[in-house]
């Protein structure tokens, strides 16, 4: 079973009205500090990844680099267009399906993309009255277990933590 983690980027500067500029928004000093604490907590708790995949947007890449540096082992690091806010979740799932089934993968990205994907993994995605509402705070982390990819991705939510909860683990 694949361990699939979702990490929302840390706090970034003010949203830019122009999409091209928004892609270059960096983490704030507070956002960087919070992500460093979260990354340290993950490492101290023994949470390790075979692959860290990040959105190409600057704030997500900065978040992913901080996590990579805190890992106690060498971790593969890739930028995936599929994790950008306008990326295709179906393309993300196809890409994940090509990885080793027992991989531990961290996906670093944005809202509402990540919580929509999280809902789809645990089988409660989509529109309608049965939709599950999940809040993934900036710097928040969710762990799922992927049970399969066919005919669609399916899995189980193992836990969801805020940055504050993660820091308490360390």
C-alpha atoms as a PDB file:
ATOM      1  CA  UNK A   1       0.000   0.000   0.000  1.00  0.00           C
ATOM      2  CA  UNK A   2       1.225   3.457  -0.893  1.00  0.00           C
ATOM      3  CA  UNK A   3       1.498   6.005   1.892  1.00  0.00           C
ATOM      4  CA  UNK A   4       0.348   9.275   0.361  1.00  0.00           C
ATOM      5  CA  UNK A   5       0.808  12.488   2.316  1.00  0.00           C
ATOM      6  CA  UNK A   6      -0.597  15.912   1.472  1.00  0.00           C
ATOM      7  CA  UNK A   7       1.165  19.027   2.807  1.00  0.00           C
ATOM      8  CA  UNK A   8      -0.167  22.517   2.231  1.00  0.00           C
ATOM      9  CA  UNK A   9       2.501  25.151   1.694  1.00  0.00           C
ATOM     10  CA  UNK A  10       3.310  27.574   4.493  1.00  0.00           C
ATOM     11  CA  UNK A  11       2.081  31.140   4.824  1.00  0.00           C
ATOM     12  CA  UNK A  12       3.002  33.228   1.789  1.00  0.00           C
ATOM     13  CA  UNK A  13       2.968  36.942   1.001  1.00  0.00           C
ATOM     14  CA  UNK A  14      -0.149  38.772  -0.153  1.00  0.00           C
ATOM     15  CA  UNK A  15      -1.978  37.276  -3.134  1.00  0.00           C
ATOM     16  CA  UNK A  16      -0.965  38.976  -6.361  1.00  0.00           C
ATOM     17  CA  UNK A  17      -3.747  40.072  -8.736  1.00  0.00           C
ATOM     18  CA  UNK A  18      -1.766  38.910 -11.771  1.00  0.00           C
ATOM     19  CA  UNK A  19      -1.502  35.102 -12.063  1.00  0.00           C
ATOM     20  CA  UNK A  20       2.122  35.212 -13.267  1.00  0.00           C
ATOM     21  CA  UNK A  21       3.147  37.182 -10.183  1.00  0.00           C
ATOM     22  CA  UNK A  22       1.106  34.960  -7.891  1.00  0.00           C
ATOM     23  CA  UNK A  23       3.220  31.985  -9.011  1.00  0.00           C
ATOM     24  CA  UNK A  24       6.278  33.760  -7.566  1.00  0.00           C
ATOM     25  CA  UNK A  25       4.864  34.516  -4.117  1.00  0.00           C
ATOM     26  CA  UNK A  26       7.385  33.361  -1.529  1.00  0.00           C
ATOM     27  CA  UNK A  27       6.910  32.142   2.024  1.00  0.00           C
ATOM     28  CA  UNK A  28       6.823  34.856   4.650  1.00  0.00           C
ATOM     29  CA  UNK A  29       9.368  34.730   7.487  1.00  0.00           C
ATOM     30  CA  UNK A  30       6.612  33.362   9.753  1.00  0.00           C
ATOM     31  CA  UNK A  31       5.605  30.828   7.102  1.00  0.00           C
ATOM     32  CA  UNK A  32       9.194  29.649   6.683  1.00  0.00           C
ATOM     33  CA  UNK A  33       9.626  29.294  10.457  1.00  0.00           C
ATOM     34  CA  UNK A  34       6.387  27.336  10.813  1.00  0.00           C
ATOM     35  CA  UNK A  35       7.303  24.958   7.968  1.00  0.00           C
ATOM     36  CA  UNK A  36      10.772  24.432   9.507  1.00  0.00           C
ATOM     37  CA  UNK A  37       9.108  23.434  12.791  1.00  0.00           C
ATOM     38  CA  UNK A  38       6.653  21.134  10.982  1.00  0.00           C
ATOM     39  CA  UNK A  39       9.491  19.524   8.995  1.00  0.00           C
ATOM     40  CA  UNK A  40      11.524  18.990  12.160  1.00  0.00           C
ATOM     41  CA  UNK A  41       8.498  17.414  13.866  1.00  0.00           C
ATOM     42  CA  UNK A  42       7.981  15.055  10.915  1.00  0.00           C
ATOM     43  CA  UNK A  43      11.623  13.991  11.006  1.00  0.00           C
ATOM     44  CA  UNK A  44      11.613  13.481  14.795  1.00  0.00           C
ATOM     45  CA  UNK A  45       8.430  11.422  14.494  1.00  0.00           C
ATOM     46  CA  UNK A  46      10.071   9.131  11.948  1.00  0.00           C
ATOM     47  CA  UNK A  47       7.935  10.282   9.017  1.00  0.00           C
ATOM     48  CA  UNK A  48      10.101   9.657   5.960  1.00  0.00           C
ATOM     49  CA  UNK A  49       9.400   9.893   2.265  1.00  0.00           C
ATOM     50  CA  UNK A  50      10.709   8.064  -0.783  1.00  0.00           C
ATOM     51  CA  UNK A  51       9.613  10.996  -2.933  1.00  0.00           C
ATOM     52  CA  UNK A  52       8.685  14.607  -2.335  1.00  0.00           C
ATOM     53  CA  UNK A  53       6.609  15.958  -5.238  1.00  0.00           C
ATOM     54  CA  UNK A  54       5.868  19.666  -5.279  1.00  0.00           C
ATOM     55  CA  UNK A  55       3.831  22.176  -7.185  1.00  0.00           C
ATOM     56  CA  UNK A  56       6.047  24.404  -9.352  1.00  0.00           C
ATOM     57  CA  UNK A  57       4.844  27.549  -7.546  1.00  0.00           C
ATOM     58  CA  UNK A  58       7.532  29.225  -5.448  1.00  0.00           C
ATOM     59  CA  UNK A  59       5.819  28.970  -2.042  1.00  0.00           C
ATOM     60  CA  UNK A  60       5.208  25.237  -2.479  1.00  0.00           C
ATOM     61  CA  UNK A  61       8.755  24.588  -3.719  1.00  0.00           C
ATOM     62  CA  UNK A  62      10.186  26.483  -0.737  1.00  0.00           C
ATOM     63  CA  UNK A  63       8.017  24.395   1.603  1.00  0.00           C
ATOM     64  CA  UNK A  64       9.132  21.154  -0.076  1.00  0.00           C
ATOM     65  CA  UNK A  65      12.831  22.092   0.084  1.00  0.00           C
ATOM     66  CA  UNK A  66      12.550  22.763   3.823  1.00  0.00           C
ATOM     67  CA  UNK A  67      10.963  19.333   4.362  1.00  0.00           C
ATOM     68  CA  UNK A  68      13.589  17.641   2.170  1.00  0.00           C
ATOM     69  CA  UNK A  69      16.438  19.195   4.186  1.00  0.00           C
ATOM     70  CA  UNK A  70      14.906  17.960   7.457  1.00  0.00           C
ATOM     71  CA  UNK A  71      14.631  14.347   6.240  1.00  0.00           C
ATOM     72  CA  UNK A  72      17.111  11.954   7.836  1.00  0.00           C
ATOM     73  CA  UNK A  73      17.494   9.999   4.593  1.00  0.00           C
ATOM     74  CA  UNK A  74      18.147  10.901   0.974  1.00  0.00           C
ATOM     75  CA  UNK A  75      14.777  11.647  -0.598  1.00  0.00           C
ATOM     76  CA  UNK A  76      13.910  12.004  -4.287  1.00  0.00           C
ATOM     77  CA  UNK A  77      12.591  15.473  -5.111  1.00  0.00           C
ATOM     78  CA  UNK A  78      10.483  16.333  -8.167  1.00  0.00           C
ATOM     79  CA  UNK A  79       8.466  19.272  -9.412  1.00  0.00           C
ATOM     80  CA  UNK A  80       5.085  18.148 -10.772  1.00  0.00           C
ATOM     81  CA  UNK A  81       2.899  20.409 -12.873  1.00  0.00           C
ATOM     82  CA  UNK A  82      -0.013  18.209 -11.792  1.00  0.00           C
ATOM     83  CA  UNK A  83       0.212  19.745  -8.291  1.00  0.00           C
ATOM     84  CA  UNK A  84      -0.172  23.351  -9.458  1.00  0.00           C
ATOM     85  CA  UNK A  85      -3.539  24.975  -8.611  1.00  0.00           C
ATOM     86  CA  UNK A  86      -4.774  24.434 -12.170  1.00  0.00           C
ATOM     87  CA  UNK A  87      -3.248  20.962 -12.446  1.00  0.00           C
ATOM     88  CA  UNK A  88      -5.178  17.827 -13.339  1.00  0.00           C
ATOM     89  CA  UNK A  89      -5.879  15.548 -10.385  1.00  0.00           C
ATOM     90  CA  UNK A  90      -6.564  12.692 -12.801  1.00  0.00           C
ATOM     91  CA  UNK A  91      -3.051  13.180 -14.241  1.00  0.00           C
ATOM     92  CA  UNK A  92      -1.699  13.224 -10.670  1.00  0.00           C
ATOM     93  CA  UNK A  93      -3.364   9.889  -9.895  1.00  0.00           C
ATOM     94  CA  UNK A  94      -2.030   8.343 -13.121  1.00  0.00           C
ATOM     95  CA  UNK A  95       1.472   9.503 -12.218  1.00  0.00           C
ATOM     96  CA  UNK A  96       1.184   8.145  -8.684  1.00  0.00           C
ATOM     97  CA  UNK A  97      -0.086   4.810 -10.044  1.00  0.00           C
ATOM     98  CA  UNK A  98       3.216   4.374 -11.927  1.00  0.00           C
ATOM     99  CA  UNK A  99       5.260   4.537  -8.693  1.00  0.00           C
ATOM    100  CA  UNK A 100       6.213   1.523  -6.579  1.00  0.00           C
ATOM    101  CA  UNK A 101       3.114   0.396  -4.648  1.00  0.00           C
ATOM    102  CA  UNK A 102       4.900   0.540  -1.276  1.00  0.00           C
ATOM    103  CA  UNK A 103       6.218   4.095  -1.747  1.00  0.00           C
ATOM    104  CA  UNK A 104       5.841   6.897   0.769  1.00  0.00           C
ATOM    105  CA  UNK A 105       5.048  10.027  -1.250  1.00  0.00           C
ATOM    106  CA  UNK A 106       4.617  13.604  -0.061  1.00  0.00           C
ATOM    107  CA  UNK A 107       2.620  15.943  -2.313  1.00  0.00           C
ATOM    108  CA  UNK A 108       3.161  19.637  -1.532  1.00  0.00           C
ATOM    109  CA  UNK A 109       0.622  22.022  -2.952  1.00  0.00           C
ATOM    110  CA  UNK A 110      -2.287  24.398  -2.562  1.00  0.00           C
ATOM    111  CA  UNK A 111      -5.910  24.804  -1.583  1.00  0.00           C
ATOM    112  CA  UNK A 112      -8.534  23.855  -2.629  1.00  0.00           C
ATOM    113  CA  UNK A 113      -6.675  21.352  -4.846  1.00  0.00           C
ATOM    114  CA  UNK A 114      -5.240  19.287  -1.968  1.00  0.00           C
ATOM    115  CA  UNK A 115      -8.435  18.853   0.031  1.00  0.00           C
ATOM    116  CA  UNK A 116     -10.352  17.970  -3.133  1.00  0.00           C
ATOM    117  CA  UNK A 117      -7.722  15.324  -3.921  1.00  0.00           C
ATOM    118  CA  UNK A 118      -7.808  14.122  -0.320  1.00  0.00           C
ATOM    119  CA  UNK A 119     -11.589  13.744  -0.547  1.00  0.00           C
ATOM    120  CA  UNK A 120     -11.262  11.786  -3.780  1.00  0.00           C
ATOM    121  CA  UNK A 121      -8.646   9.451  -2.288  1.00  0.00           C
ATOM    122  CA  UNK A 122     -10.827   8.596   0.679  1.00  0.00           C
ATOM    123  CA  UNK A 123     -13.884   8.199  -1.524  1.00  0.00           C
ATOM    124  CA  UNK A 124     -15.890  11.255  -0.604  1.00  0.00           C
ATOM    125  CA  UNK A 125     -14.943  13.678  -3.383  1.00  0.00           C
ATOM    126  CA  UNK A 126     -17.243  15.355  -5.834  1.00  0.00           C
ATOM    127  CA  UNK A 127     -20.286  17.549  -5.647  1.00  0.00           C
ATOM    128  CA  UNK A 128     -23.460  16.868  -3.753  1.00  0.00           C
ATOM    129  CA  UNK A 129     -24.828  16.593  -0.256  1.00  0.00           C
ATOM    130  CA  UNK A 130     -22.526  13.730   0.741  1.00  0.00           C
ATOM    131  CA  UNK A 131     -19.394  15.788   0.120  1.00  0.00           C
ATOM    132  CA  UNK A 132     -16.893  15.650   2.964  1.00  0.00           C
ATOM    133  CA  UNK A 133     -15.486  19.013   4.060  1.00  0.00           C
ATOM    134  CA  UNK A 134     -11.819  18.836   5.054  1.00  0.00           C
ATOM    135  CA  UNK A 135      -9.801  21.831   6.221  1.00  0.00           C
ATOM    136  CA  UNK A 136      -6.065  21.586   5.556  1.00  0.00           C
ATOM    137  CA  UNK A 137      -4.413  24.535   7.279  1.00  0.00           C
ATOM    138  CA  UNK A 138      -1.300  26.201   5.849  1.00  0.00           C
ATOM    139  CA  UNK A 139       1.506  23.882   6.913  1.00  0.00           C
ATOM    140  CA  UNK A 140      -1.046  21.147   7.701  1.00  0.00           C
ATOM    141  CA  UNK A 141      -0.346  17.509   6.857  1.00  0.00           C
ATOM    142  CA  UNK A 142      -2.643  14.595   6.019  1.00  0.00           C
ATOM    143  CA  UNK A 143      -1.682  10.931   5.726  1.00  0.00           C
ATOM    144  CA  UNK A 144      -3.617   8.510   3.562  1.00  0.00           C
ATOM    145  CA  UNK A 145      -3.094   4.921   2.524  1.00  0.00           C
ATOM    146  CA  UNK A 146      -3.851   4.257  -1.144  1.00  0.00           C
ATOM    147  CA  UNK A 147      -5.515   0.879  -1.564  1.00  0.00           C
ATOM    148  CA  UNK A 148      -5.766   1.017  -5.358  1.00  0.00           C
ATOM    149  CA  UNK A 149      -5.915   3.152  -8.480  1.00  0.00           C
ATOM    150  CA  UNK A 150      -8.404   1.224 -10.604  1.00  0.00           C
ATOM    151  CA  UNK A 151     -11.062   1.980 -11.613  1.00  0.00           C
ATOM    152  CA  UNK A 152     -10.361   5.162  -9.611  1.00  0.00           C
ATOM    153  CA  UNK A 153      -8.050   6.092  -6.765  1.00  0.00           C
ATOM    154  CA  UNK A 154      -9.281   4.858  -3.396  1.00  0.00           C
ATOM    155  CA  UNK A 155      -7.832   4.770   0.056  1.00  0.00           C
ATOM    156  CA  UNK A 156      -8.203   5.611   3.720  1.00  0.00           C
ATOM    157  CA  UNK A 157      -7.472   8.701   5.763  1.00  0.00           C
ATOM    158  CA  UNK A 158      -5.072   7.761   8.554  1.00  0.00           C
ATOM    159  CA  UNK A 159      -4.715  11.192  10.142  1.00  0.00           C
ATOM    160  CA  UNK A 160      -4.913  14.938   9.574  1.00  0.00           C
ATOM    161  CA  UNK A 161      -2.856  17.382  11.629  1.00  0.00           C
ATOM    162  CA  UNK A 162      -2.537  21.124  11.959  1.00  0.00           C
ATOM    163  CA  UNK A 163       0.934  22.690  12.225  1.00  0.00           C
ATOM    164  CA  UNK A 164       0.325  23.233  15.945  1.00  0.00           C
ATOM    165  CA  UNK A 165      -0.418  19.535  16.483  1.00  0.00           C
ATOM    166  CA  UNK A 166       2.655  18.509  14.472  1.00  0.00           C
ATOM    167  CA  UNK A 167       4.924  20.800  16.486  1.00  0.00           C
ATOM    168  CA  UNK A 168       3.694  19.151  19.709  1.00  0.00           C
ATOM    169  CA  UNK A 169       5.012  15.819  18.398  1.00  0.00           C
ATOM    170  CA  UNK A 170       8.557  17.131  18.303  1.00  0.00           C
END
